[in-house]
Amino acid sequence: MAEDKTQQNDRPATKPIPVKPAVEPMSNKDEAPPGTPGTGETMAPKTGETYVQGIGGA
């Protein structure tokens, strides 16, 4: 009887566990992924939305 319960618990979960992506998805205003060297986070004054923008340099 105890063996039956063990076998039932050894089955994988029926629903997948959600996993947060390592990198946030880019918005339509982003010029590069967050954390890219040579970029900075900018805030739009009218909307308050933040996005990643290149800061120049070579």
Protein backbone atom coordinates (compact mmCIF):
# COMPACT_ATOMS: atom_id res chain seq x y z
CA MET A 1 0.00 0.00 0.00
CA ALA A 2 2.80 2.47 0.86
CA GLU A 3 4.52 1.68 -2.45
CA ASP A 4 1.45 2.87 -4.40
CA LYS A 5 1.56 6.29 -2.74
CA THR A 6 5.28 6.63 -3.48
CA GLN A 7 4.72 5.84 -7.14
CA GLN A 8 1.97 8.47 -7.38
CA ASN A 9 4.23 11.16 -5.87
CA ASP A 10 7.09 10.34 -8.26
CA ARG A 11 5.14 11.49 -11.32
CA PRO A 12 6.01 14.90 -12.81
CA ALA A 13 3.72 17.85 -12.11
CA THR A 14 0.75 18.18 -14.44
CA LYS A 15 1.23 21.94 -14.90
CA PRO A 16 4.56 23.53 -15.81
CA ILE A 17 6.07 25.95 -13.30
CA PRO A 18 6.34 29.47 -14.81
CA VAL A 19 9.93 30.67 -15.12
CA LYS A 20 10.88 34.35 -15.28
CA PRO A 21 13.18 35.06 -18.23
CA ALA A 22 16.75 36.07 -17.35
CA VAL A 23 16.48 39.19 -19.53
CA GLU A 24 13.43 41.42 -19.64
CA PRO A 25 11.76 41.57 -23.05
CA MET A 26 12.63 44.67 -25.04
CA SER A 27 9.96 47.31 -25.63
CA ASN A 28 9.41 48.90 -29.02
CA LYS A 29 11.45 51.98 -27.93
CA ASP A 30 14.49 50.04 -26.66
CA GLU A 31 17.62 50.34 -28.79
CA ALA A 32 19.41 47.46 -27.00
CA PRO A 33 18.72 44.86 -24.28
CA PRO A 34 18.98 46.13 -20.68
CA GLY A 35 22.53 46.02 -19.32
CA THR A 36 24.26 46.40 -22.69
CA PRO A 37 27.50 48.38 -22.34
CA GLY A 38 27.20 51.88 -23.80
CA THR A 39 23.48 52.21 -23.02
CA GLY A 40 21.44 53.86 -20.31
CA GLU A 41 17.85 53.88 -19.13
CA THR A 42 15.87 56.93 -20.25
CA MET A 43 12.44 58.12 -19.10
CA ALA A 44 9.96 59.67 -21.52
CA PRO A 45 8.83 62.97 -19.91
CA LYS A 46 5.28 62.83 -21.29
CA THR A 47 4.45 59.20 -20.48
CA GLY A 48 6.87 58.30 -17.68
CA GLU A 49 7.77 55.13 -19.59
CA THR A 50 11.39 54.00 -19.28
CA TYR A 51 13.43 52.51 -22.12
CA VAL A 52 17.03 51.67 -22.98
CA GLN A 53 18.84 54.16 -25.19
CA GLY A 54 22.36 54.25 -26.61
CA ILE A 55 24.50 56.96 -25.01
CA GLY A 56 26.98 57.32 -27.84
CA GLY A 57 30.67 56.69 -28.12
CA ALA A 58 32.64 54.40 -30.35
